[in-house]
Amino acid sequence: MTDKVFENNQVSIVGEVVSEFVYSHEVFGESFYMVELSVNRLSDSNDIIPVMVSERLLDVSTSYIGRFAHVQGQFRSYNRHEESRNRLVLSVFAREIRLEEEPDESIKPNYIFLDGYVCKPPIYRKTPLGREIADVLLAVNRPYGKSDYIPCICWGRNARFADSFAVGGHVQLWGRIQSREYQKKLSETEFEKRVAYEVSVSKLEYFEE
């Protein structure tokens, strides 16, 4: 059963380490740390993707800035309570990590596969330039009755297709993880720069249950 659950949330990213390890939390005596990877896009820009790494996978007291890491794992979420509301926090949970001096050109730098269920009505809209977009929130099961809630963004004909999805509908999708900066309004005069993470969908399938 556990292997089947791991199959429904698969991530592979290759990127340059651009931060030190920062302590996150401990579970049953095992400590976890956050580190950031800069992952190239085809458009010559890049995504800064947070990765959660166990101290048992590698020496987290060492700096690996400037080296390249190939991470295989899952895209996970948790709710962090801020002020009067919960904020969805996303990161790649590393099940395997390999450090290299140069990126492995034979590996896709940013790949994700998700198999889950629609948990909110999709939001379909058009940009001022007429580009079609649909936002889909996918619940992906984890072992022991938990789920990850993953925001996904579809474009063009995939957006039109996603607009027809029902809550509870079964979806499989393929794409990449992207980071996006935005301004969070704190007051009439105060703004805070934040980063959102989502899956940019390249292919998706819908199953009537």
N, C-alpha and C. Protein backbone atom coordinates (compact mmCIF):
# COMPACT_ATOMS: atom_id res chain seq x y z
N MET A 1 0.84 -1.21 0.00
CA MET A 1 0.00 0.00 0.00
C MET A 1 0.87 1.25 0.00
N THR A 2 1.94 1.22 0.82
CA THR A 2 2.80 2.39 0.93
C THR A 2 3.44 2.73 -0.41
N ASP A 3 3.94 1.70 -1.13
CA ASP A 3 4.56 1.95 -2.43
C ASP A 3 3.57 2.56 -3.39
N LYS A 4 2.32 2.09 -3.35
CA LYS A 4 1.29 2.62 -4.23
C LYS A 4 1.05 4.10 -3.96
N VAL A 5 1.05 4.49 -2.67
CA VAL A 5 0.86 5.89 -2.33
C VAL A 5 2.03 6.73 -2.80
N PHE A 6 3.27 6.21 -2.68
CA PHE A 6 4.42 6.97 -3.16
C PHE A 6 4.37 7.16 -4.67
N GLU A 7 3.73 6.25 -5.39
CA GLU A 7 3.64 6.36 -6.85
C GLU A 7 2.73 7.50 -7.29
N ASN A 8 1.82 7.95 -6.42
CA ASN A 8 0.84 8.97 -6.86
C ASN A 8 1.38 10.39 -6.72
N ASN A 9 2.62 10.55 -6.27
CA ASN A 9 3.21 11.87 -6.07
C ASN A 9 4.71 11.71 -6.30
N GLN A 10 5.15 11.99 -7.53
CA GLN A 10 6.56 11.76 -7.90
C GLN A 10 7.18 13.05 -8.43
N VAL A 11 8.32 13.39 -7.83
CA VAL A 11 9.04 14.61 -8.22
C VAL A 11 10.50 14.25 -8.51
N SER A 12 11.03 14.85 -9.57
CA SER A 12 12.46 14.77 -9.85
C SER A 12 12.92 16.16 -10.28
N ILE A 13 13.85 16.75 -9.52
CA ILE A 13 14.38 18.07 -9.90
C ILE A 13 15.90 18.04 -9.83
N VAL A 14 16.51 18.82 -10.72
CA VAL A 14 17.96 19.00 -10.73
C VAL A 14 18.22 20.51 -10.69
N GLY A 15 18.98 20.95 -9.68
CA GLY A 15 19.23 22.38 -9.58
C GLY A 15 20.47 22.69 -8.77
N GLU A 16 20.83 23.97 -8.80
CA GLU A 16 22.00 24.44 -8.05
C GLU A 16 21.58 24.80 -6.63
N VAL A 17 22.35 24.34 -5.66
CA VAL A 17 22.09 24.68 -4.27
C VAL A 17 22.41 26.16 -4.05
N VAL A 18 21.43 26.93 -3.55
CA VAL A 18 21.63 28.39 -3.42
C VAL A 18 21.41 28.87 -1.98
N SER A 19 21.30 27.93 -1.02
CA SER A 19 21.16 28.35 0.39
C SER A 19 21.85 27.33 1.28
N GLU A 20 22.03 27.73 2.53
CA GLU A 20 22.48 26.79 3.55
C GLU A 20 21.27 25.97 4.02
N PHE A 21 21.52 24.94 4.80
CA PHE A 21 20.43 24.18 5.41
C PHE A 21 19.90 24.93 6.63
N VAL A 22 18.58 25.01 6.73
CA VAL A 22 17.93 25.67 7.87
C VAL A 22 17.05 24.64 8.57
N TYR A 23 17.20 24.53 9.89
CA TYR A 23 16.42 23.54 10.65
C TYR A 23 14.93 23.79 10.50
N SER A 24 14.17 22.73 10.27
CA SER A 24 12.71 22.84 10.13
C SER A 24 11.98 22.22 11.32
N HIS A 25 12.14 20.92 11.54
CA HIS A 25 11.40 20.25 12.61
C HIS A 25 12.01 18.86 12.85
N GLU A 26 11.47 18.19 13.86
CA GLU A 26 11.94 16.85 14.22
C GLU A 26 10.75 15.91 14.34
N VAL A 27 10.90 14.68 13.83
CA VAL A 27 9.86 13.66 13.95
C VAL A 27 10.52 12.38 14.43
N PHE A 28 10.08 11.88 15.59
CA PHE A 28 10.61 10.63 16.16
C PHE A 28 12.14 10.61 16.18
N GLY A 29 12.73 11.73 16.60
CA GLY A 29 14.19 11.79 16.73
C GLY A 29 14.93 12.06 15.43
N GLU A 30 14.22 12.22 14.31
CA GLU A 30 14.84 12.50 13.01
C GLU A 30 14.62 13.97 12.67
N SER A 31 15.71 14.71 12.47
CA SER A 31 15.61 16.15 12.18
C SER A 31 15.55 16.40 10.68
N PHE A 32 14.75 17.41 10.30
CA PHE A 32 14.58 17.78 8.90
C PHE A 32 15.00 19.23 8.70
N TYR A 33 15.61 19.48 7.55
CA TYR A 33 16.15 20.81 7.23
C TYR A 33 15.66 21.25 5.86
N MET A 34 15.55 22.58 5.68
CA MET A 34 15.16 23.15 4.39
C MET A 34 16.39 23.69 3.67
N VAL A 35 16.42 23.49 2.34
CA VAL A 35 17.46 24.04 1.50
C VAL A 35 16.80 24.45 0.19
N GLU A 36 17.35 25.45 -0.50
CA GLU A 36 16.74 25.94 -1.74
C GLU A 36 17.60 25.56 -2.95
N LEU A 37 16.92 25.12 -4.02
CA LEU A 37 17.58 24.82 -5.29
C LEU A 37 17.10 25.79 -6.35
N SER A 38 18.02 26.25 -7.19
CA SER A 38 17.67 27.07 -8.35
C SER A 38 17.60 26.14 -9.56
N VAL A 39 16.39 25.99 -10.09
CA VAL A 39 16.14 25.03 -11.18
C VAL A 39 15.84 25.81 -12.46
N ASN A 40 16.59 25.52 -13.52
CA ASN A 40 16.43 26.25 -14.78
C ASN A 40 15.13 25.93 -15.48
N ARG A 41 14.55 26.96 -16.11
CA ARG A 41 13.43 26.79 -17.02
C ARG A 41 13.95 26.83 -18.46
N LEU A 42 13.10 26.41 -19.39
CA LEU A 42 13.48 26.48 -20.81
C LEU A 42 13.65 27.93 -21.27
N SER A 43 12.95 28.84 -20.58
CA SER A 43 12.97 30.26 -20.99
C SER A 43 14.18 31.02 -20.47
N ASP A 44 15.17 30.30 -19.93
CA ASP A 44 16.39 30.91 -19.39
C ASP A 44 16.19 31.62 -18.05
N SER A 45 14.94 31.60 -17.53
CA SER A 45 14.75 32.08 -16.16
C SER A 45 14.88 30.84 -15.25
N ASN A 46 14.61 31.00 -13.96
CA ASN A 46 14.73 29.83 -13.08
C ASN A 46 13.70 29.89 -11.97
N ASP A 47 13.47 28.75 -11.35
CA ASP A 47 12.58 28.64 -10.21
C ASP A 47 13.41 28.32 -8.98
N ILE A 48 13.09 28.98 -7.87
CA ILE A 48 13.75 28.69 -6.59
C ILE A 48 12.81 27.76 -5.82
N ILE A 49 13.22 26.52 -5.66
CA ILE A 49 12.33 25.49 -5.09
C ILE A 49 12.87 25.03 -3.74
N PRO A 50 12.01 25.10 -2.68
CA PRO A 50 12.44 24.65 -1.36
C PRO A 50 12.38 23.12 -1.26
N VAL A 51 13.43 22.55 -0.66
CA VAL A 51 13.52 21.09 -0.52
C VAL A 51 13.72 20.76 0.95
N MET A 52 12.93 19.79 1.45
CA MET A 52 13.07 19.34 2.83
C MET A 52 13.90 18.06 2.83
N VAL A 53 14.98 18.08 3.62
CA VAL A 53 15.96 16.98 3.61
C VAL A 53 16.16 16.46 5.03
N SER A 54 16.15 15.14 5.18
CA SER A 54 16.46 14.53 6.48
C SER A 54 17.95 14.57 6.75
N GLU A 55 18.33 14.74 8.02
CA GLU A 55 19.74 14.70 8.40
C GLU A 55 20.36 13.33 8.11
N ARG A 56 19.50 12.33 7.87
CA ARG A 56 19.99 10.98 7.60
C ARG A 56 20.36 10.78 6.13
N LEU A 57 20.00 11.72 5.27
CA LEU A 57 20.32 11.59 3.85
C LEU A 57 21.70 12.13 3.51
N LEU A 58 22.12 13.21 4.18
CA LEU A 58 23.47 13.76 3.96
C LEU A 58 23.83 14.68 5.12
N ASP A 59 25.08 15.12 5.13
CA ASP A 59 25.59 15.96 6.21
C ASP A 59 25.05 17.38 6.06
N VAL A 60 24.05 17.73 6.88
CA VAL A 60 23.39 19.03 6.75
C VAL A 60 24.19 20.16 7.42
N SER A 61 25.31 19.82 8.07
CA SER A 61 26.15 20.87 8.68
C SER A 61 27.15 21.44 7.67
N THR A 62 27.20 20.84 6.47
CA THR A 62 28.12 21.28 5.42
C THR A 62 27.40 22.20 4.45
N SER A 63 28.12 23.19 3.90
CA SER A 63 27.56 24.06 2.86
C SER A 63 27.79 23.43 1.49
N TYR A 64 26.73 23.34 0.71
CA TYR A 64 26.84 22.80 -0.65
C TYR A 64 26.52 23.87 -1.69
N ILE A 65 26.53 25.14 -1.30
CA ILE A 65 26.19 26.22 -2.23
C ILE A 65 27.11 26.16 -3.46
N GLY A 66 26.49 26.24 -4.63
CA GLY A 66 27.24 26.18 -5.89
C GLY A 66 27.32 24.79 -6.48
N ARG A 67 27.01 23.76 -5.69
CA ARG A 67 26.98 22.40 -6.23
C ARG A 67 25.58 22.10 -6.75
N PHE A 68 25.46 21.04 -7.54
CA PHE A 68 24.17 20.67 -8.11
C PHE A 68 23.63 19.45 -7.39
N ALA A 69 22.31 19.44 -7.21
CA ALA A 69 21.66 18.33 -6.52
C ALA A 69 20.58 17.76 -7.40
N HIS A 70 20.52 16.43 -7.45
CA HIS A 70 19.40 15.73 -8.10
C HIS A 70 18.54 15.16 -6.97
N VAL A 71 17.32 15.65 -6.87
CA VAL A 71 16.41 15.26 -5.79
C VAL A 71 15.24 14.48 -6.36
N GLN A 72 14.95 13.34 -5.74
CA GLN A 72 13.75 12.59 -6.07
C GLN A 72 12.90 12.50 -4.81
N GLY A 73 11.61 12.75 -4.95
CA GLY A 73 10.77 12.73 -3.77
C GLY A 73 9.33 13.03 -4.10
N GLN A 74 8.71 13.84 -3.24
CA GLN A 74 7.30 14.18 -3.38
C GLN A 74 7.08 15.66 -3.11
N PHE A 75 6.02 16.23 -3.69
CA PHE A 75 5.63 17.61 -3.44
C PHE A 75 4.62 17.58 -2.29
N ARG A 76 4.97 18.18 -1.18
CA ARG A 76 4.13 18.08 0.02
C ARG A 76 3.68 19.45 0.51
N SER A 77 2.59 19.43 1.28
CA SER A 77 2.03 20.67 1.82
C SER A 77 1.74 20.51 3.30
N TYR A 78 1.74 21.65 4.00
CA TYR A 78 1.18 21.68 5.35
C TYR A 78 0.64 23.08 5.61
N ASN A 79 -0.27 23.18 6.56
CA ASN A 79 -0.86 24.47 6.90
C ASN A 79 -0.08 25.11 8.04
N ARG A 80 0.41 26.33 7.81
CA ARG A 80 1.09 27.08 8.88
C ARG A 80 0.16 28.21 9.33
N HIS A 81 -0.08 28.29 10.62
CA HIS A 81 -0.99 29.32 11.13
C HIS A 81 -0.26 30.66 11.20
N GLU A 82 -0.80 31.64 10.50
CA GLU A 82 -0.23 33.00 10.50
C GLU A 82 -1.33 34.00 10.80
N GLU A 83 -1.08 34.84 11.79
CA GLU A 83 -2.07 35.83 12.21
C GLU A 83 -3.41 35.12 12.46
N SER A 84 -4.43 35.42 11.67
CA SER A 84 -5.74 34.82 11.96
C SER A 84 -6.13 33.76 10.92
N ARG A 85 -5.16 33.32 10.08
CA ARG A 85 -5.54 32.36 9.05
C ARG A 85 -4.42 31.35 8.83
N ASN A 86 -4.77 30.26 8.15
CA ASN A 86 -3.78 29.26 7.79
C ASN A 86 -3.20 29.55 6.42
N ARG A 87 -1.91 29.32 6.27
CA ARG A 87 -1.25 29.51 4.98
C ARG A 87 -0.69 28.18 4.51
N LEU A 88 -0.98 27.83 3.26
CA LEU A 88 -0.49 26.58 2.70
C LEU A 88 0.99 26.72 2.34
N VAL A 89 1.82 25.86 2.93
CA VAL A 89 3.27 25.90 2.69
C VAL A 89 3.66 24.63 1.92
N LEU A 90 4.37 24.82 0.82
CA LEU A 90 4.73 23.71 -0.07
C LEU A 90 6.24 23.54 -0.16
N SER A 91 6.68 22.29 -0.27
CA SER A 91 8.10 22.01 -0.50
C SER A 91 8.25 20.61 -1.08
N VAL A 92 9.41 20.36 -1.67
CA VAL A 92 9.73 19.02 -2.15
C VAL A 92 10.32 18.24 -0.99
N PHE A 93 9.71 17.10 -0.67
CA PHE A 93 10.23 16.22 0.38
C PHE A 93 11.18 15.22 -0.28
N ALA A 94 12.47 15.31 0.08
CA ALA A 94 13.49 14.48 -0.58
C ALA A 94 13.48 13.06 -0.02
N ARG A 95 13.30 12.09 -0.91
CA ARG A 95 13.47 10.68 -0.52
C ARG A 95 14.87 10.21 -0.91
N GLU A 96 15.42 10.82 -1.96
CA GLU A 96 16.81 10.57 -2.37
C GLU A 96 17.41 11.89 -2.82
N ILE A 97 18.70 12.09 -2.52
CA ILE A 97 19.38 13.29 -3.00
C ILE A 97 20.81 12.92 -3.37
N ARG A 98 21.24 13.39 -4.54
CA ARG A 98 22.59 13.10 -5.03
C ARG A 98 23.25 14.42 -5.40
N LEU A 99 24.45 14.65 -4.87
CA LEU A 99 25.17 15.90 -5.14
C LEU A 99 26.21 15.69 -6.23
N GLU A 100 26.30 16.70 -7.14
CA GLU A 100 27.23 16.60 -8.26
C GLU A 100 27.87 17.96 -8.49
N GLU A 101 29.01 17.97 -9.18
CA GLU A 101 29.68 19.23 -9.51
C GLU A 101 29.02 19.92 -10.69
N GLU A 102 28.47 19.13 -11.61
CA GLU A 102 27.80 19.65 -12.81
C GLU A 102 26.42 18.99 -12.91
N PRO A 103 25.43 19.70 -13.49
CA PRO A 103 24.12 19.09 -13.65
C PRO A 103 24.17 17.94 -14.66
N ASP A 104 23.37 16.90 -14.40
CA ASP A 104 23.28 15.76 -15.32
C ASP A 104 22.31 16.14 -16.44
N GLU A 105 22.86 16.37 -17.64
CA GLU A 105 22.04 16.86 -18.76
C GLU A 105 21.05 15.81 -19.25
N SER A 106 21.24 14.54 -18.85
CA SER A 106 20.36 13.48 -19.34
C SER A 106 19.05 13.41 -18.54
N ILE A 107 18.98 14.16 -17.43
CA ILE A 107 17.80 14.11 -16.56
C ILE A 107 16.96 15.37 -16.77
N LYS A 108 15.64 15.19 -16.87
CA LYS A 108 14.75 16.36 -16.92
C LYS A 108 14.98 17.18 -15.66
N PRO A 109 15.21 18.51 -15.79
CA PRO A 109 15.53 19.29 -14.59
C PRO A 109 14.34 19.50 -13.65
N ASN A 110 13.12 19.31 -14.16
CA ASN A 110 11.96 19.64 -13.32
C ASN A 110 10.76 18.82 -13.82
N TYR A 111 10.44 17.76 -13.08
CA TYR A 111 9.36 16.85 -13.50
C TYR A 111 8.51 16.49 -12.29
N ILE A 112 7.17 16.50 -12.48
CA ILE A 112 6.28 16.06 -11.42
C ILE A 112 5.10 15.30 -12.02
N PHE A 113 4.69 14.25 -11.33
CA PHE A 113 3.47 13.50 -11.67
C PHE A 113 2.62 13.42 -10.41
N LEU A 114 1.33 13.76 -10.55
CA LEU A 114 0.40 13.71 -9.43
C LEU A 114 -0.84 12.92 -9.84
N ASP A 115 -1.36 12.15 -8.90
CA ASP A 115 -2.60 11.39 -9.08
C ASP A 115 -3.46 11.70 -7.86
N GLY A 116 -4.52 12.50 -8.06
CA GLY A 116 -5.30 12.93 -6.90
C GLY A 116 -6.73 13.29 -7.27
N TYR A 117 -7.33 14.10 -6.40
CA TYR A 117 -8.75 14.40 -6.50
C TYR A 117 -8.99 15.91 -6.37
N VAL A 118 -9.89 16.43 -7.21
CA VAL A 118 -10.22 17.85 -7.19
C VAL A 118 -10.93 18.18 -5.88
N CYS A 119 -10.42 19.16 -5.13
CA CYS A 119 -11.04 19.44 -3.83
C CYS A 119 -11.70 20.82 -3.73
N LYS A 120 -11.67 21.60 -4.83
CA LYS A 120 -12.40 22.87 -4.92
C LYS A 120 -12.84 23.06 -6.36
N PRO A 121 -13.93 23.78 -6.61
CA PRO A 121 -14.28 24.04 -8.01
C PRO A 121 -13.13 24.76 -8.72
N PRO A 122 -12.71 24.29 -9.91
CA PRO A 122 -11.64 24.97 -10.65
C PRO A 122 -12.02 26.42 -10.95
N ILE A 123 -11.02 27.29 -11.00
CA ILE A 123 -11.24 28.71 -11.31
C ILE A 123 -10.67 28.98 -12.70
N TYR A 124 -11.58 29.26 -13.64
CA TYR A 124 -11.18 29.51 -15.04
C TYR A 124 -11.25 31.02 -15.30
N ARG A 125 -10.23 31.54 -16.00
CA ARG A 125 -10.23 32.98 -16.31
C ARG A 125 -9.38 33.21 -17.55
N LYS A 126 -9.44 34.44 -18.04
CA LYS A 126 -8.59 34.84 -19.17
C LYS A 126 -7.74 36.03 -18.75
N THR A 127 -6.50 36.06 -19.22
CA THR A 127 -5.63 37.21 -18.97
C THR A 127 -6.08 38.36 -19.88
N PRO A 128 -5.62 39.59 -19.59
CA PRO A 128 -5.96 40.72 -20.47
C PRO A 128 -5.58 40.48 -21.93
N LEU A 129 -4.58 39.62 -22.16
CA LEU A 129 -4.17 39.32 -23.54
C LEU A 129 -4.94 38.13 -24.13
N GLY A 130 -5.90 37.60 -23.36
CA GLY A 130 -6.75 36.53 -23.87
C GLY A 130 -6.26 35.12 -23.62
N ARG A 131 -5.17 34.97 -22.83
CA ARG A 131 -4.67 33.63 -22.54
C ARG A 131 -5.56 32.96 -21.50
N GLU A 132 -5.93 31.71 -21.75
CA GLU A 132 -6.83 30.99 -20.85
C GLU A 132 -6.04 30.29 -19.74
N ILE A 133 -6.54 30.42 -18.51
CA ILE A 133 -5.89 29.84 -17.34
C ILE A 133 -6.96 29.19 -16.46
N ALA A 134 -6.63 28.06 -15.86
CA ALA A 134 -7.51 27.46 -14.86
C ALA A 134 -6.67 27.01 -13.67
N ASP A 135 -7.14 27.37 -12.47
CA ASP A 135 -6.49 26.95 -11.23
C ASP A 135 -7.23 25.73 -10.68
N VAL A 136 -6.49 24.68 -10.38
CA VAL A 136 -7.07 23.45 -9.83
C VAL A 136 -6.33 23.12 -8.54
N LEU A 137 -7.08 22.89 -7.45
CA LEU A 137 -6.46 22.44 -6.20
C LEU A 137 -6.67 20.93 -6.09
N LEU A 138 -5.54 20.20 -6.06
CA LEU A 138 -5.59 18.74 -6.07
C LEU A 138 -5.22 18.19 -4.70
N ALA A 139 -6.04 17.27 -4.19
CA ALA A 139 -5.72 16.55 -2.95
C ALA A 139 -5.07 15.22 -3.34
N VAL A 140 -3.85 15.01 -2.86
CA VAL A 140 -3.10 13.79 -3.20
C VAL A 140 -2.87 13.00 -1.91
N ASN A 141 -3.32 11.76 -1.89
CA ASN A 141 -3.27 10.98 -0.66
C ASN A 141 -1.85 10.61 -0.26
N ARG A 142 -1.63 10.59 1.04
CA ARG A 142 -0.39 10.13 1.66
C ARG A 142 -0.73 8.93 2.53
N PRO A 143 0.26 8.18 3.01
CA PRO A 143 -0.06 7.10 3.95
C PRO A 143 -0.69 7.64 5.23
N TYR A 144 -1.33 6.76 5.96
CA TYR A 144 -1.88 7.04 7.29
C TYR A 144 -2.98 8.11 7.27
N GLY A 145 -3.74 8.15 6.16
CA GLY A 145 -4.92 9.00 6.11
C GLY A 145 -4.66 10.47 5.88
N LYS A 146 -3.41 10.85 5.58
CA LYS A 146 -3.10 12.26 5.32
C LYS A 146 -3.20 12.56 3.83
N SER A 147 -3.27 13.86 3.50
CA SER A 147 -3.28 14.29 2.10
C SER A 147 -2.44 15.54 1.94
N ASP A 148 -1.89 15.72 0.74
CA ASP A 148 -1.24 16.98 0.38
C ASP A 148 -2.17 17.73 -0.56
N TYR A 149 -2.22 19.05 -0.39
CA TYR A 149 -3.09 19.90 -1.20
C TYR A 149 -2.20 20.75 -2.11
N ILE A 150 -2.26 20.43 -3.41
CA ILE A 150 -1.30 20.99 -4.36
C ILE A 150 -2.02 21.90 -5.35
N PRO A 151 -1.67 23.21 -5.37
CA PRO A 151 -2.24 24.11 -6.38
C PRO A 151 -1.60 23.86 -7.74
N CYS A 152 -2.45 23.72 -8.76
CA CYS A 152 -1.99 23.44 -10.11
C CYS A 152 -2.57 24.48 -11.06
N ILE A 153 -1.81 24.85 -12.07
CA ILE A 153 -2.27 25.86 -13.03
C ILE A 153 -2.21 25.27 -14.44
N CYS A 154 -3.33 25.37 -15.14
CA CYS A 154 -3.45 24.83 -16.50
C CYS A 154 -3.59 25.98 -17.49
N TRP A 155 -3.18 25.74 -18.74
CA TRP A 155 -3.17 26.78 -19.75
C TRP A 155 -3.91 26.30 -21.00
N GLY A 156 -4.45 27.26 -21.77
CA GLY A 156 -5.02 26.96 -23.07
C GLY A 156 -6.10 25.90 -23.04
N ARG A 157 -5.98 24.89 -23.93
CA ARG A 157 -7.01 23.85 -24.01
C ARG A 157 -7.08 23.03 -22.72
N ASN A 158 -5.92 22.89 -22.02
CA ASN A 158 -5.97 22.20 -20.72
C ASN A 158 -6.81 22.99 -19.72
N ALA A 159 -6.76 24.32 -19.81
CA ALA A 159 -7.57 25.17 -18.91
C ALA A 159 -9.06 24.98 -19.20
N ARG A 160 -9.41 24.96 -20.48
CA ARG A 160 -10.83 24.73 -20.84
C ARG A 160 -11.30 23.37 -20.36
N PHE A 161 -10.45 22.37 -20.51
CA PHE A 161 -10.76 21.00 -20.06
C PHE A 161 -10.95 20.98 -18.54
N ALA A 162 -10.03 21.61 -17.82
CA ALA A 162 -10.07 21.59 -16.35
C ALA A 162 -11.30 22.32 -15.80
N ASP A 163 -11.80 23.29 -16.55
CA ASP A 163 -12.97 24.05 -16.10
C ASP A 163 -14.20 23.15 -15.92
N SER A 164 -14.20 21.98 -16.58
CA SER A 164 -15.35 21.07 -16.49
C SER A 164 -15.23 20.07 -15.34
N PHE A 165 -14.09 20.08 -14.60
CA PHE A 165 -13.87 19.08 -13.56
C PHE A 165 -14.81 19.30 -12.37
N ALA A 166 -15.35 18.21 -11.84
CA ALA A 166 -16.21 18.28 -10.65
C ALA A 166 -15.39 18.07 -9.39
N VAL A 167 -15.82 18.66 -8.29
CA VAL A 167 -15.18 18.40 -7.00
C VAL A 167 -15.29 16.91 -6.69
N GLY A 168 -14.17 16.32 -6.30
CA GLY A 168 -14.12 14.87 -6.05
C GLY A 168 -13.68 14.08 -7.26
N GLY A 169 -13.57 14.76 -8.43
CA GLY A 169 -13.13 14.08 -9.65
C GLY A 169 -11.69 13.62 -9.56
N HIS A 170 -11.40 12.50 -10.21
CA HIS A 170 -10.07 11.88 -10.17
C HIS A 170 -9.23 12.41 -11.33
N VAL A 171 -8.05 12.95 -11.02
CA VAL A 171 -7.19 13.58 -12.03
C VAL A 171 -5.77 13.02 -11.93
N GLN A 172 -5.17 12.77 -13.08
CA GLN A 172 -3.73 12.52 -13.16
C GLN A 172 -3.12 13.63 -14.00
N LEU A 173 -1.98 14.16 -13.56
CA LEU A 173 -1.36 15.24 -14.33
C LEU A 173 0.15 15.17 -14.27
N TRP A 174 0.74 15.76 -15.31
CA TRP A 174 2.20 15.83 -15.45
C TRP A 174 2.58 17.29 -15.68
N GLY A 175 3.73 17.69 -15.17
CA GLY A 175 4.15 19.07 -15.38
C GLY A 175 5.45 19.36 -14.67
N ARG A 176 5.58 20.62 -14.20
CA ARG A 176 6.79 21.02 -13.48
C ARG A 176 6.38 21.94 -12.32
N ILE A 177 7.25 22.04 -11.34
CA ILE A 177 7.01 22.92 -10.20
C ILE A 177 7.56 24.30 -10.54
N GLN A 178 6.78 25.33 -10.29
CA GLN A 178 7.27 26.68 -10.55
C GLN A 178 7.08 27.57 -9.31
N SER A 179 7.96 28.56 -9.20
CA SER A 179 7.85 29.56 -8.13
C SER A 179 7.40 30.87 -8.75
N ARG A 180 6.63 31.63 -7.99
CA ARG A 180 6.09 32.89 -8.51
C ARG A 180 6.07 33.92 -7.38
N GLU A 181 6.70 35.07 -7.62
CA GLU A 181 6.70 36.13 -6.61
C GLU A 181 5.42 36.95 -6.70
N TYR A 182 4.92 37.39 -5.54
CA TYR A 182 3.76 38.29 -5.53
C TYR A 182 3.86 39.21 -4.32
N GLN A 183 3.06 40.28 -4.35
CA GLN A 183 3.04 41.25 -3.25
C GLN A 183 1.84 40.98 -2.35
N LYS A 184 2.09 40.70 -1.08
CA LYS A 184 1.03 40.49 -0.11
C LYS A 184 0.73 41.83 0.58
N LYS A 185 -0.53 42.30 0.49
CA LYS A 185 -0.90 43.58 1.08
C LYS A 185 -1.12 43.40 2.58
N LEU A 186 -0.33 44.08 3.39
CA LEU A 186 -0.44 43.98 4.85
C LEU A 186 -1.32 45.10 5.41
N SER A 187 -1.26 46.27 4.77
CA SER A 187 -2.08 47.41 5.17
C SER A 187 -2.20 48.33 3.96
N GLU A 188 -2.77 49.49 4.15
CA GLU A 188 -2.91 50.43 3.04
C GLU A 188 -1.56 50.87 2.47
N THR A 189 -0.55 50.87 3.31
CA THR A 189 0.77 51.35 2.87
C THR A 189 1.85 50.27 2.87
N GLU A 190 1.56 49.11 3.45
CA GLU A 190 2.59 48.08 3.60
C GLU A 190 2.31 46.88 2.69
N PHE A 191 3.37 46.45 1.99
CA PHE A 191 3.31 45.24 1.18
C PHE A 191 4.51 44.36 1.54
N GLU A 192 4.33 43.05 1.42
CA GLU A 192 5.42 42.12 1.69
C GLU A 192 5.60 41.21 0.48
N LYS A 193 6.85 41.06 0.04
CA LYS A 193 7.12 40.17 -1.10
C LYS A 193 7.09 38.72 -0.62
N ARG A 194 6.29 37.91 -1.28
CA ARG A 194 6.20 36.50 -0.94
C ARG A 194 6.37 35.65 -2.20
N VAL A 195 6.58 34.36 -1.99
CA VAL A 195 6.75 33.44 -3.12
C VAL A 195 5.69 32.34 -3.00
N ALA A 196 4.98 32.11 -4.10
CA ALA A 196 4.01 31.01 -4.16
C ALA A 196 4.59 29.90 -5.02
N TYR A 197 4.20 28.68 -4.72
CA TYR A 197 4.65 27.52 -5.50
C TYR A 197 3.42 26.79 -6.04
N GLU A 198 3.54 26.31 -7.28
CA GLU A 198 2.41 25.62 -7.91
C GLU A 198 2.97 24.70 -8.98
N VAL A 199 2.09 23.82 -9.47
CA VAL A 199 2.46 22.93 -10.56
C VAL A 199 1.94 23.52 -11.87
N SER A 200 2.84 23.76 -12.82
CA SER A 200 2.45 24.18 -14.16
C SER A 200 2.20 22.92 -14.97
N VAL A 201 0.96 22.72 -15.39
CA VAL A 201 0.52 21.45 -15.97
C VAL A 201 0.79 21.43 -17.47
N SER A 202 1.42 20.34 -17.94
CA SER A 202 1.64 20.17 -19.38
C SER A 202 0.69 19.13 -19.97
N LYS A 203 0.21 18.20 -19.13
CA LYS A 203 -0.68 17.14 -19.61
C LYS A 203 -1.56 16.70 -18.44
N LEU A 204 -2.85 16.43 -18.70
CA LEU A 204 -3.70 15.94 -17.63
C LEU A 204 -4.80 15.03 -18.18
N GLU A 205 -5.26 14.11 -17.32
CA GLU A 205 -6.34 13.19 -17.65
C GLU A 205 -7.35 13.23 -16.52
N TYR A 206 -8.63 13.07 -16.89
CA TYR A 206 -9.73 13.12 -15.93
C TYR A 206 -10.51 11.83 -16.01
N PHE A 207 -10.84 11.28 -14.85
CA PHE A 207 -11.54 10.00 -14.78
C PHE A 207 -12.87 10.19 -14.05
N GLU A 208 -13.96 9.81 -14.70
CA GLU A 208 -15.26 9.83 -14.04
C GLU A 208 -15.31 8.62 -13.09
N GLU A 209 -15.54 8.90 -11.82
CA GLU A 209 -15.53 7.80 -10.84
C GLU A 209 -16.92 7.21 -10.72
